[in-house]
Amino acid sequence: ACIAAASVIAKVTRDRIMVQLHQCHPVYGFAAH
């Protein structure tokens, strides 16, 4: 469970960063992939 929890923390943090980067570089579709 502790590793699964760490995977969620890392994944959600990174996904939110990529959604933000999509606003800076929309032509690449970072929010989707």
All heavy atoms as atom14 arrays in JSON, in Angstrom:
{
  "sequence": "ACIAAASVIAKVTRDRIMVQLHQCHPVYGFAAH",
  "atom14_mask": [
    [1, 1, 1, 1, 1, 0, 0, 0, 0, 0, 0, 0, 0, 0],
    [1, 1, 1, 1, 1, 1, 0, 0, 0, 0, 0, 0, 0, 0],
    [1, 1, 1, 1, 1, 1, 1, 1, 0, 0, 0, 0, 0, 0],
    [1, 1, 1, 1, 1, 0, 0, 0, 0, 0, 0, 0, 0, 0],
    [1, 1, 1, 1, 1, 0, 0, 0, 0, 0, 0, 0, 0, 0],
    [1, 1, 1, 1, 1, 0, 0, 0, 0, 0, 0, 0, 0, 0],
    [1, 1, 1, 1, 1, 1, 0, 0, 0, 0, 0, 0, 0, 0],
    [1, 1, 1, 1, 1, 1, 1, 0, 0, 0, 0, 0, 0, 0],
    [1, 1, 1, 1, 1, 1, 1, 1, 0, 0, 0, 0, 0, 0],
    [1, 1, 1, 1, 1, 0, 0, 0, 0, 0, 0, 0, 0, 0],
    [1, 1, 1, 1, 1, 1, 1, 1, 1, 0, 0, 0, 0, 0],
    [1, 1, 1, 1, 1, 1, 1, 0, 0, 0, 0, 0, 0, 0],
    [1, 1, 1, 1, 1, 1, 1, 0, 0, 0, 0, 0, 0, 0],
    [1, 1, 1, 1, 1, 1, 1, 1, 1, 1, 1, 0, 0, 0],
    [1, 1, 1, 1, 1, 1, 1, 1, 0, 0, 0, 0, 0, 0],
    [1, 1, 1, 1, 1, 1, 1, 1, 1, 1, 1, 0, 0, 0],
    [1, 1, 1, 1, 1, 1, 1, 1, 0, 0, 0, 0, 0, 0],
    [1, 1, 1, 1, 1, 1, 1, 1, 0, 0, 0, 0, 0, 0],
    [1, 1, 1, 1, 1, 1, 1, 0, 0, 0, 0, 0, 0, 0],
    [1, 1, 1, 1, 1, 1, 1, 1, 1, 0, 0, 0, 0, 0],
    [1, 1, 1, 1, 1, 1, 1, 1, 0, 0, 0, 0, 0, 0],
    [1, 1, 1, 1, 1, 1, 1, 1, 1, 1, 0, 0, 0, 0],
    [1, 1, 1, 1, 1, 1, 1, 1, 1, 0, 0, 0, 0, 0],
    [1, 1, 1, 1, 1, 1, 0, 0, 0, 0, 0, 0, 0, 0],
    [1, 1, 1, 1, 1, 1, 1, 1, 1, 1, 0, 0, 0, 0],
    [1, 1, 1, 1, 1, 1, 1, 0, 0, 0, 0, 0, 0, 0],
    [1, 1, 1, 1, 1, 1, 1, 0, 0, 0, 0, 0, 0, 0],
    [1, 1, 1, 1, 1, 1, 1, 1, 1, 1, 1, 1, 0, 0],
    [1, 1, 1, 1, 0, 0, 0, 0, 0, 0, 0, 0, 0, 0],
    [1, 1, 1, 1, 1, 1, 1, 1, 1, 1, 1, 0, 0, 0],
    [1, 1, 1, 1, 1, 0, 0, 0, 0, 0, 0, 0, 0, 0],
    [1, 1, 1, 1, 1, 0, 0, 0, 0, 0, 0, 0, 0, 0],
    [1, 1, 1, 1, 1, 1, 1, 1, 1, 1, 0, 0, 0, 0]
  ],
  "atom14_positions": [
    [[0.81, -1.22, 0.0], [0.0, 0.0, 0.0], [0.84, 1.26, 0.0], [0.5, 2.25, -0.67], [-0.93, -0.01, 1.21], [0.0, 0.0, 0.0], [0.0, 0.0, 0.0], [0.0, 0.0, 0.0], [0.0, 0.0, 0.0], [0.0, 0.0, 0.0], [0.0, 0.0, 0.0], [0.0, 0.0, 0.0], [0.0, 0.0, 0.0], [0.0, 0.0, 0.0]],
    [[1.95, 1.26, 0.74], [2.76, 2.49, 0.81], [3.37, 2.82, -0.54], [3.49, 4.0, -0.89], [3.82, 2.36, 1.9], [4.99, 1.0, 1.67], [0.0, 0.0, 0.0], [0.0, 0.0, 0.0], [0.0, 0.0, 0.0], [0.0, 0.0, 0.0], [0.0, 0.0, 0.0], [0.0, 0.0, 0.0], [0.0, 0.0, 0.0], [0.0, 0.0, 0.0]],
    [[3.75, 1.8, -1.33], [4.29, 2.07, -2.67], [3.18, 2.54, -3.59], [3.37, 3.47, -4.39], [4.99, 0.83, -3.25], [6.13, 0.37, -2.34], [5.51, 1.12, -4.65], [6.86, -0.86, -2.84], [0.0, 0.0, 0.0], [0.0, 0.0, 0.0], [0.0, 0.0, 0.0], [0.0, 0.0, 0.0], [0.0, 0.0, 0.0], [0.0, 0.0, 0.0]],
    [[2.01, 1.93, -3.5], [0.87, 2.37, -4.29], [0.55, 3.83, -3.98], [0.27, 4.64, -4.88], [-0.35, 1.49, -4.03], [0.0, 0.0, 0.0], [0.0, 0.0, 0.0], [0.0, 0.0, 0.0], [0.0, 0.0, 0.0], [0.0, 0.0, 0.0], [0.0, 0.0, 0.0], [0.0, 0.0, 0.0], [0.0, 0.0, 0.0], [0.0, 0.0, 0.0]],
    [[0.59, 4.19, -2.69], [0.32, 5.58, -2.3], [1.36, 6.52, -2.89], [1.04, 7.61, -3.37], [0.31, 5.68, -0.77], [0.0, 0.0, 0.0], [0.0, 0.0, 0.0], [0.0, 0.0, 0.0], [0.0, 0.0, 0.0], [0.0, 0.0, 0.0], [0.0, 0.0, 0.0], [0.0, 0.0, 0.0], [0.0, 0.0, 0.0], [0.0, 0.0, 0.0]],
    [[2.63, 6.1, -2.86], [3.69, 6.94, -3.45], [3.48, 7.1, -4.95], [3.73, 8.18, -5.51], [5.05, 6.32, -3.16], [0.0, 0.0, 0.0], [0.0, 0.0, 0.0], [0.0, 0.0, 0.0], [0.0, 0.0, 0.0], [0.0, 0.0, 0.0], [0.0, 0.0, 0.0], [0.0, 0.0, 0.0], [0.0, 0.0, 0.0], [0.0, 0.0, 0.0]],
    [[3.01, 6.05, -5.61], [2.76, 6.14, -7.05], [1.66, 7.14, -7.35], [1.72, 7.86, -8.35], [2.44, 4.76, -7.63], [1.11, 4.35, -7.36], [0.0, 0.0, 0.0], [0.0, 0.0, 0.0], [0.0, 0.0, 0.0], [0.0, 0.0, 0.0], [0.0, 0.0, 0.0], [0.0, 0.0, 0.0], [0.0, 0.0, 0.0], [0.0, 0.0, 0.0]],
    [[0.65, 7.21, -6.5], [-0.44, 8.17, -6.68], [0.07, 9.6, -6.47], [-0.23, 10.5, -7.28], [-1.6, 7.86, -5.73], [-2.64, 9.0, -5.74], [-2.28, 6.54, -6.12], [0.0, 0.0, 0.0], [0.0, 0.0, 0.0], [0.0, 0.0, 0.0], [0.0, 0.0, 0.0], [0.0, 0.0, 0.0], [0.0, 0.0, 0.0], [0.0, 0.0, 0.0]],
    [[0.83, 9.81, -5.41], [1.38, 11.15, -5.15], [2.22, 11.61, -6.34], [2.1, 12.75, -6.82], [2.23, 11.15, -3.87], [1.33, 11.01, -2.62], [3.09, 12.41, -3.77], [0.5, 12.22, -2.3], [0.0, 0.0, 0.0], [0.0, 0.0, 0.0], [0.0, 0.0, 0.0], [0.0, 0.0, 0.0], [0.0, 0.0, 0.0], [0.0, 0.0, 0.0]],
    [[3.1, 10.74, -6.84], [3.97, 11.11, -7.95], [3.17, 11.35, -9.22], [3.4, 12.34, -9.94], [5.01, 10.01, -8.18], [0.0, 0.0, 0.0], [0.0, 0.0, 0.0], [0.0, 0.0, 0.0], [0.0, 0.0, 0.0], [0.0, 0.0, 0.0], [0.0, 0.0, 0.0], [0.0, 0.0, 0.0], [0.0, 0.0, 0.0], [0.0, 0.0, 0.0]],
    [[2.23, 10.48, -9.52], [1.46, 10.57, -10.77], [0.58, 11.82, -10.79], [0.55, 12.55, -11.79], [0.61, 9.31, -10.92], [-0.37, 9.33, -12.08], [0.31, 9.3, -13.42], [-0.71, 9.13, -14.55], [-0.1, 9.38, -15.87], [0.0, 0.0, 0.0], [0.0, 0.0, 0.0], [0.0, 0.0, 0.0], [0.0, 0.0, 0.0], [0.0, 0.0, 0.0]],
    [[-0.15, 12.08, -9.72], [-1.04, 13.24, -9.69], [-0.23, 14.53, -9.76], [-0.58, 15.47, -10.48], [-1.95, 13.21, -8.45], [-2.74, 14.52, -8.33], [-2.92, 12.03, -8.53], [0.0, 0.0, 0.0], [0.0, 0.0, 0.0], [0.0, 0.0, 0.0], [0.0, 0.0, 0.0], [0.0, 0.0, 0.0], [0.0, 0.0, 0.0], [0.0, 0.0, 0.0]],
    [[0.88, 14.58, -9.0], [1.73, 15.77, -9.06], [2.21, 16.03, -10.48], [2.12, 17.15, -11.0], [2.94, 15.6, -8.13], [2.49, 15.42, -6.79], [3.85, 16.83, -8.19], [0.0, 0.0, 0.0], [0.0, 0.0, 0.0], [0.0, 0.0, 0.0], [0.0, 0.0, 0.0], [0.0, 0.0, 0.0], [0.0, 0.0, 0.0], [0.0, 0.0, 0.0]],
    [[2.73, 14.98, -11.12], [3.26, 15.16, -12.47], [2.16, 15.51, -13.47], [2.34, 16.38, -14.34], [4.0, 13.9, -12.93], [4.71, 14.12, -14.25], [5.51, 12.92, -14.72], [6.3, 13.3, -15.88], [5.8, 13.37, -17.12], [4.53, 13.05, -17.34], [6.56, 13.75, -18.12], [0.0, 0.0, 0.0], [0.0, 0.0, 0.0], [0.0, 0.0, 0.0]],
    [[1.01, 14.86, -13.39], [-0.08, 15.17, -14.31], [-0.5, 16.62, -14.2], [-0.79, 17.28, -15.21], [-1.28, 14.26, -14.04], [-1.09, 12.85, -14.6], [-0.05, 12.59, -15.24], [-2.0, 12.01, -14.4], [0.0, 0.0, 0.0], [0.0, 0.0, 0.0], [0.0, 0.0, 0.0], [0.0, 0.0, 0.0], [0.0, 0.0, 0.0], [0.0, 0.0, 0.0]],
    [[-0.53, 17.16, -12.99], [-0.92, 18.55, -12.8], [0.13, 19.5, -13.38], [-0.21, 20.55, -13.93], [-1.17, 18.83, -11.32], [-2.4, 18.09, -10.81], [-2.7, 18.41, -9.35], [-3.88, 17.68, -8.89], [-4.43, 17.8, -7.68], [-3.91, 18.66, -6.82], [-5.49, 17.1, -7.35], [0.0, 0.0, 0.0], [0.0, 0.0, 0.0], [0.0, 0.0, 0.0]],
    [[1.39, 19.12, -13.25], [2.44, 19.92, -13.88], [2.25, 19.94, -15.4], [2.34, 20.99, -16.05], [3.82, 19.36, -13.53], [4.12, 19.56, -12.05], [4.91, 20.04, -14.38], [5.39, 18.86, -11.58], [0.0, 0.0, 0.0], [0.0, 0.0, 0.0], [0.0, 0.0, 0.0], [0.0, 0.0, 0.0], [0.0, 0.0, 0.0], [0.0, 0.0, 0.0]],
    [[1.96, 18.76, -15.98], [1.83, 18.68, -17.43], [0.6, 19.45, -17.93], [0.64, 20.04, -19.02], [1.76, 17.22, -17.88], [3.01, 16.41, -17.58], [4.57, 17.19, -18.13], [4.32, 17.22, -19.92], [0.0, 0.0, 0.0], [0.0, 0.0, 0.0], [0.0, 0.0, 0.0], [0.0, 0.0, 0.0], [0.0, 0.0, 0.0], [0.0, 0.0, 0.0]],
    [[-0.46, 19.46, -17.16], [-1.63, 20.27, -17.54], [-1.26, 21.75, -17.54], [-1.66, 22.51, -18.42], [-2.81, 20.0, -16.58], [-3.93, 21.02, -16.79], [-3.35, 18.59, -16.81], [0.0, 0.0, 0.0], [0.0, 0.0, 0.0], [0.0, 0.0, 0.0], [0.0, 0.0, 0.0], [0.0, 0.0, 0.0], [0.0, 0.0, 0.0], [0.0, 0.0, 0.0]],
    [[-0.46, 22.16, -16.55], [-0.02, 23.55, -16.52], [0.89, 23.87, -17.69], [0.79, 24.93, -18.32], [0.69, 23.84, -15.2], [1.04, 25.3, -15.02], [1.77, 25.56, -13.73], [2.6, 24.75, -13.32], [1.49, 26.68, -13.09], [0.0, 0.0, 0.0], [0.0, 0.0, 0.0], [0.0, 0.0, 0.0], [0.0, 0.0, 0.0], [0.0, 0.0, 0.0]],
    [[1.81, 22.95, -18.02], [2.71, 23.17, -19.14], [1.95, 23.22, -20.47], [2.41, 23.84, -21.42], [3.78, 22.08, -19.19], [4.8, 22.09, -18.05], [5.79, 20.94, -18.21], [5.53, 23.42, -18.0], [0.0, 0.0, 0.0], [0.0, 0.0, 0.0], [0.0, 0.0, 0.0], [0.0, 0.0, 0.0], [0.0, 0.0, 0.0], [0.0, 0.0, 0.0]],
    [[0.8, 22.58, -20.53], [-0.03, 22.65, -21.74], [-0.44, 24.1, -22.02], [-0.55, 24.5, -23.19], [-1.27, 21.78, -21.56], [-2.23, 21.87, -22.7], [-2.08, 21.14, -23.87], [-3.37, 22.61, -22.88], [-3.07, 21.43, -24.7], [-3.86, 22.32, -24.12], [0.0, 0.0, 0.0], [0.0, 0.0, 0.0], [0.0, 0.0, 0.0], [0.0, 0.0, 0.0]],
    [[-0.66, 24.88, -20.96], [-1.04, 26.27, -21.16], [0.1, 27.07, -21.79], [-0.14, 28.02, -22.55], [-1.43, 26.9, -19.81], [-2.49, 26.14, -19.04], [-3.76, 25.94, -19.86], [-4.24, 26.86, -20.52], [-4.29, 24.71, -19.82], [0.0, 0.0, 0.0], [0.0, 0.0, 0.0], [0.0, 0.0, 0.0], [0.0, 0.0, 0.0], [0.0, 0.0, 0.0]],
    [[1.34, 26.66, -21.5], [2.5, 27.35, -22.07], [2.82, 26.87, -23.48], [3.31, 27.65, -24.31], [3.72, 27.13, -21.18], [3.52, 27.65, -19.47], [0.0, 0.0, 0.0], [0.0, 0.0, 0.0], [0.0, 0.0, 0.0], [0.0, 0.0, 0.0], [0.0, 0.0, 0.0], [0.0, 0.0, 0.0], [0.0, 0.0, 0.0], [0.0, 0.0, 0.0]],
    [[2.55, 25.6, -23.76], [2.92, 24.99, -25.04], [1.74, 24.16, -25.58], [1.82, 22.94, -25.67], [4.15, 24.1, -24.87], [5.3, 24.77, -24.18], [6.12, 25.67, -24.82], [5.77, 24.67, -22.91], [7.05, 26.1, -23.98], [6.86, 25.51, -22.82], [0.0, 0.0, 0.0], [0.0, 0.0, 0.0], [0.0, 0.0, 0.0], [0.0, 0.0, 0.0]],
    [[0.64, 24.81, -25.93], [-0.59, 24.07, -26.28], [-0.48, 23.21, -27.53], [-1.26, 22.26, -27.68], [-1.63, 25.17, -26.44], [-0.84, 26.41, -26.75], [0.44, 26.27, -25.99], [0.0, 0.0, 0.0], [0.0, 0.0, 0.0], [0.0, 0.0, 0.0], [0.0, 0.0, 0.0], [0.0, 0.0, 0.0], [0.0, 0.0, 0.0], [0.0, 0.0, 0.0]],
    [[0.44, 23.5, -28.43], [0.48, 22.76, -29.7], [0.85, 21.29, -29.51], [0.6, 20.47, -30.38], [1.46, 23.4, -30.7], [1.0, 24.8, -31.07], [2.89, 23.4, -30.16], [0.0, 0.0, 0.0], [0.0, 0.0, 0.0], [0.0, 0.0, 0.0], [0.0, 0.0, 0.0], [0.0, 0.0, 0.0], [0.0, 0.0, 0.0], [0.0, 0.0, 0.0]],
    [[1.43, 20.94, -28.36], [1.88, 19.56, -28.17], [0.83, 18.65, -27.51], [0.97, 17.43, -27.54], [3.16, 19.53, -27.32], [4.3, 20.28, -27.95], [4.6, 21.58, -27.55], [5.06, 19.72, -28.97], [5.63, 22.29, -28.13], [6.1, 20.43, -29.56], [6.37, 21.71, -29.14], [7.39, 22.4, -29.73], [0.0, 0.0, 0.0], [0.0, 0.0, 0.0]],
    [[-0.19, 19.23, -26.9], [-1.22, 18.42, -26.26], [-0.79, 17.77, -24.96], [-1.25, 16.67, -24.63], [0.0, 0.0, 0.0], [0.0, 0.0, 0.0], [0.0, 0.0, 0.0], [0.0, 0.0, 0.0], [0.0, 0.0, 0.0], [0.0, 0.0, 0.0], [0.0, 0.0, 0.0], [0.0, 0.0, 0.0], [0.0, 0.0, 0.0], [0.0, 0.0, 0.0]],
    [[0.07, 18.43, -24.19], [0.57, 17.86, -22.94], [-0.55, 17.47, -21.97], [-0.42, 16.5, -21.23], [1.51, 18.83, -22.23], [2.84, 19.02, -22.9], [3.53, 20.23, -22.75], [3.42, 18.02, -23.64], [4.77, 20.41, -23.35], [4.66, 18.19, -24.25], [5.34, 19.39, -24.1], [0.0, 0.0, 0.0], [0.0, 0.0, 0.0], [0.0, 0.0, 0.0]],
    [[-1.65, 18.21, -21.98], [-2.74, 17.9, -21.05], [-3.35, 16.54, -21.31], [-3.86, 15.89, -20.4], [-3.82, 18.98, -21.14], [0.0, 0.0, 0.0], [0.0, 0.0, 0.0], [0.0, 0.0, 0.0], [0.0, 0.0, 0.0], [0.0, 0.0, 0.0], [0.0, 0.0, 0.0], [0.0, 0.0, 0.0], [0.0, 0.0, 0.0], [0.0, 0.0, 0.0]],
    [[-3.29, 16.09, -22.56], [-3.88, 14.8, -22.92], [-2.92, 13.64, -22.69], [-3.28, 12.65, -22.03], [-4.34, 14.82, -24.38], [0.0, 0.0, 0.0], [0.0, 0.0, 0.0], [0.0, 0.0, 0.0], [0.0, 0.0, 0.0], [0.0, 0.0, 0.0], [0.0, 0.0, 0.0], [0.0, 0.0, 0.0], [0.0, 0.0, 0.0], [0.0, 0.0, 0.0]],
    [[-1.69, 13.73, -23.21], [-0.79, 12.58, -23.16], [0.29, 12.69, -22.08], [1.06, 11.75, -21.87], [-0.12, 12.36, -24.51], [0.54, 13.58, -25.07], [1.64, 14.17, -24.49], [0.25, 14.34, -26.17], [2.0, 15.23, -25.2], [1.17, 15.36, -26.21], [0.0, 0.0, 0.0], [0.0, 0.0, 0.0], [0.0, 0.0, 0.0], [0.0, 0.0, 0.0]]
  ]
}
